[in-house]
């Protein structure tokens, strides 16, 4: 067996989830079933399985990368979610992941996928914030997606930002500029309203 993953899954996990073991007859292995079994694991994004003659089964796994956490029930239980909206287990959570609040989906569990269209904008925005400039300046703590017109964000320093769901990347760049300019002037932002296309109002502490 030649088993590897680009994430946290170890060869022992791959053997268990794929129901494969050393010494199996290479030509008795049902490759489609092995692939399907591994794809059912919530952290797995893509799987490649093939035979390498004369005697090796090769498995390569690409894992999902969590970009946010979803609050469940009373907020004491969280699930991770990747950029495509696939839900992962609590073990995939990393310190500092932003929370997405107000998701309408119920009964989410590892392996399911978000269907709330309002949450898609939050996931897309978080992916945009991975760029070097934005990640340095726009540090998101939480995003409430409950309002269909805008995203209601809290940044790490407590700033509240209202962000309309159109032309998001341009408005994120504007937000980064506002944060940078305010820091240079020694001003602390309390709130920014980016639901307006021009001259967004900024409140300071």
Protein backbone atom coordinates (compact mmCIF):
# COMPACT_ATOMS: atom_id res chain seq x y z
CA UNK A 1 0.00 0.00 0.00
CA UNK A 2 1.24 3.47 -0.98
CA UNK A 3 -1.02 5.83 0.98
CA UNK A 4 -0.74 9.57 1.53
CA UNK A 5 -2.78 12.70 2.20
CA UNK A 6 -1.93 16.39 2.01
CA UNK A 7 -3.51 16.98 5.43
CA UNK A 8 -3.92 15.30 8.79
CA UNK A 9 -5.02 11.83 7.66
CA UNK A 10 -2.39 9.20 8.36
CA UNK A 11 -1.93 5.92 6.44
CA UNK A 12 -3.65 4.10 9.31
CA UNK A 13 -6.73 6.30 8.86
CA UNK A 14 -6.73 5.71 5.11
CA UNK A 15 -6.56 1.93 5.61
CA UNK A 16 -9.44 2.07 8.08
CA UNK A 17 -11.73 4.37 6.09
CA UNK A 18 -10.94 2.68 2.77
CA UNK A 19 -11.26 -0.84 4.21
CA UNK A 20 -7.93 -1.90 2.75
CA UNK A 21 -4.96 -3.70 4.26
CA UNK A 22 -1.55 -5.03 3.37
CA UNK A 23 -1.60 -8.46 1.74
CA UNK A 24 -4.87 -8.01 -0.15
CA UNK A 25 -4.95 -9.40 -3.68
CA UNK A 26 -4.33 -6.31 -5.80
CA UNK A 27 -6.80 -7.39 -8.47
CA UNK A 28 -9.53 -8.21 -5.95
CA UNK A 29 -9.60 -4.61 -4.72
CA UNK A 30 -12.74 -2.75 -5.82
CA UNK A 31 -11.19 0.61 -6.67
CA UNK A 32 -14.54 2.37 -7.08
CA UNK A 33 -15.67 1.22 -3.65
CA UNK A 34 -12.40 2.28 -2.02
CA UNK A 35 -12.76 5.72 -3.61
CA UNK A 36 -16.41 5.99 -2.54
CA UNK A 37 -15.62 4.94 1.04
CA UNK A 38 -12.86 7.52 1.31
CA UNK A 39 -14.94 10.29 -0.29
CA UNK A 40 -17.58 9.72 2.39
CA UNK A 41 -15.14 10.99 5.03
CA UNK A 42 -16.07 14.61 5.82
CA UNK A 43 -12.51 15.98 5.63
CA UNK A 44 -11.80 14.43 2.22
CA UNK A 45 -12.15 16.60 -0.88
CA UNK A 46 -10.66 14.45 -3.66
CA UNK A 47 -9.37 10.89 -3.91
CA UNK A 48 -7.16 9.19 -6.47
CA UNK A 49 -6.93 5.39 -6.35
CA UNK A 50 -5.04 3.22 -8.86
CA UNK A 51 -3.02 0.05 -9.19
CA UNK A 52 0.71 0.27 -9.71
CA UNK A 53 1.91 -3.02 -11.11
CA UNK A 54 3.06 -5.46 -10.08
CA UNK A 55 1.95 -5.25 -6.45
CA UNK A 56 0.98 -1.80 -5.15
CA UNK A 57 -2.28 0.03 -4.52
CA UNK A 58 -1.78 3.80 -4.60
CA UNK A 59 -4.12 6.19 -2.76
CA UNK A 60 -3.70 9.97 -2.83
CA UNK A 61 -6.03 12.23 -0.85
CA UNK A 62 -6.64 15.97 -0.96
CA UNK A 63 -8.28 17.17 2.24
CA UNK A 64 -10.74 20.00 2.76
CA UNK A 65 -9.41 23.13 4.42
CA UNK A 66 -11.71 24.69 7.04
CA UNK A 67 -12.19 28.45 6.67
CA UNK A 68 -14.92 29.09 9.26
CA UNK A 69 -16.91 27.61 12.11
CA UNK A 70 -20.66 27.22 12.34
CA UNK A 71 -22.37 27.75 15.68
CA UNK A 72 -24.90 25.05 16.49
CA UNK A 73 -27.82 25.16 18.92
CA UNK A 74 -26.84 27.30 21.92
CA UNK A 75 -23.43 28.20 20.52
CA UNK A 76 -21.53 25.71 22.68
CA UNK A 77 -21.01 23.32 19.77
CA UNK A 78 -19.22 24.21 16.57
CA UNK A 79 -18.59 22.53 13.23
CA UNK A 80 -15.98 23.51 10.68
CA UNK A 81 -16.90 24.36 7.10
CA UNK A 82 -14.75 24.66 3.96
CA UNK A 83 -14.96 27.21 1.14
CA UNK A 84 -17.43 25.05 -0.80
CA UNK A 85 -19.83 24.79 2.13
CA UNK A 86 -19.00 21.20 3.10
CA UNK A 87 -19.37 20.61 6.83
CA UNK A 88 -16.53 19.01 8.74
CA UNK A 89 -16.31 17.75 12.30
CA UNK A 90 -15.27 19.67 15.42
CA UNK A 91 -11.81 18.08 15.22
CA UNK A 92 -11.16 20.13 12.06
CA UNK A 93 -11.56 23.40 13.94
CA UNK A 94 -8.51 25.61 14.29
CA UNK A 95 -8.05 28.46 16.77
CA UNK A 96 -9.00 31.80 15.28
CA UNK A 97 -11.42 30.58 12.62
CA UNK A 98 -14.21 33.15 12.14
CA UNK A 99 -17.76 32.18 13.11
CA UNK A 100 -20.67 32.23 10.68
CA UNK A 101 -23.92 33.05 12.47
CA UNK A 102 -27.53 33.08 11.36
CA UNK A 103 -27.34 30.07 9.04
CA UNK A 104 -30.85 28.72 8.42
CA UNK A 105 -29.82 25.11 7.80
CA UNK A 106 -30.73 22.73 10.61
CA UNK A 107 -29.43 19.28 11.44
CA UNK A 108 -25.99 19.95 9.99
CA UNK A 109 -23.46 17.21 10.57
CA UNK A 110 -20.06 16.23 9.20
CA UNK A 111 -20.40 15.32 5.53
CA UNK A 112 -23.44 17.50 4.84
CA UNK A 113 -23.36 20.70 2.79
CA UNK A 114 -24.79 24.14 3.45
CA UNK A 115 -27.88 24.95 1.42
CA UNK A 116 -28.52 28.42 2.86
CA UNK A 117 -27.67 30.73 -0.06
CA UNK A 118 -27.06 33.61 2.37
CA UNK A 119 -24.07 31.74 3.77
CA UNK A 120 -22.46 31.41 0.32
CA UNK A 121 -21.62 35.12 0.30
CA UNK A 122 -19.84 34.80 3.64
CA UNK A 123 -17.77 31.85 2.40
CA UNK A 124 -16.86 33.68 -0.81
CA UNK A 125 -15.88 36.77 1.17
CA UNK A 126 -13.68 34.76 3.55
CA UNK A 127 -11.89 33.24 0.58
CA UNK A 128 -11.25 36.73 -0.81
CA UNK A 129 -9.82 37.74 2.56
CA UNK A 130 -7.10 35.13 2.17
CA UNK A 131 -5.15 37.52 -0.06
CA UNK A 132 -2.02 38.92 1.59
CA UNK A 133 -3.20 42.52 1.84
CA UNK A 134 -6.71 41.76 3.07
CA UNK A 135 -5.69 39.07 5.58
CA UNK A 136 -3.25 41.51 7.17
CA UNK A 137 -5.83 44.28 7.63
CA UNK A 138 -9.30 42.70 7.64
CA UNK A 139 -9.33 40.25 10.55
CA UNK A 140 -12.81 38.81 10.89
CA UNK A 141 -14.17 37.40 14.13
CA UNK A 142 -17.76 36.66 13.05
CA UNK A 143 -20.21 37.11 10.18
CA UNK A 144 -23.97 37.15 10.67
CA UNK A 145 -25.70 36.13 7.43
CA UNK A 146 -29.26 36.44 8.75
CA UNK A 147 -30.10 39.59 6.79
CA UNK A 148 -30.52 38.88 3.04
CA UNK A 149 -29.43 42.43 2.13
CA UNK A 150 -26.05 42.60 3.85
CA UNK A 151 -23.45 40.77 5.93
CA UNK A 152 -23.08 41.95 9.52
CA UNK A 153 -19.44 41.43 10.54
CA UNK A 154 -17.43 41.85 13.70
CA UNK A 155 -13.68 42.30 13.39
CA UNK A 156 -11.15 41.15 15.95
CA UNK A 157 -10.93 44.56 17.66
CA UNK A 158 -14.70 44.76 18.03
CA UNK A 159 -15.40 46.89 14.95
CA UNK A 160 -18.81 46.37 13.37
CA UNK A 161 -18.91 46.32 9.56
CA UNK A 162 -22.04 46.18 7.43
CA UNK A 163 -21.19 44.90 3.96
CA UNK A 164 -23.68 44.73 1.10
CA UNK A 165 -23.68 41.52 -0.92
CA UNK A 166 -22.83 43.19 -4.24
CA UNK A 167 -19.34 44.12 -5.48
CA UNK A 168 -17.91 42.54 -2.34
CA UNK A 169 -14.25 42.47 -3.38
CA UNK A 170 -14.19 46.22 -4.14
CA UNK A 171 -15.81 46.98 -0.79
CA UNK A 172 -13.36 44.75 1.06
CA UNK A 173 -10.51 46.69 -0.55
CA UNK A 174 -12.20 49.91 0.59
CA UNK A 175 -12.53 48.53 4.10
CA UNK A 176 -8.85 47.61 4.15
CA UNK A 177 -7.98 51.16 3.07
CA UNK A 178 -10.17 52.64 5.81
CA UNK A 179 -8.56 50.42 8.44
CA UNK A 180 -5.05 51.27 7.24
CA UNK A 181 -5.70 55.03 7.14
CA UNK A 182 -7.36 55.01 10.56
CA UNK A 183 -4.45 53.11 12.10
CA UNK A 184 -1.96 55.61 10.63
CA UNK A 185 -3.95 58.45 12.21
CA UNK A 186 -4.22 56.66 15.56
CA UNK A 187 -8.00 56.39 15.27
CA UNK A 188 -9.97 53.40 16.52
CA UNK A 189 -12.92 52.35 14.40
CA UNK A 190 -16.23 51.51 16.03
CA UNK A 191 -18.32 50.87 12.91
CA UNK A 192 -18.24 51.09 9.11
CA UNK A 193 -21.31 51.01 6.87
CA UNK A 194 -20.34 49.60 3.47
CA UNK A 195 -23.91 49.07 2.33
CA UNK A 196 -23.51 52.37 0.48
CA UNK A 197 -21.61 52.59 -2.79
CA UNK A 198 -20.03 55.96 -2.07
CA UNK A 199 -18.67 57.73 1.01
CA UNK A 200 -19.33 54.96 3.56
CA UNK A 201 -19.91 56.45 7.03
CA UNK A 202 -17.28 55.54 9.63
CA UNK A 203 -17.79 55.87 13.39
CA UNK A 204 -14.81 56.15 15.73
CA UNK A 205 -14.49 55.35 19.38
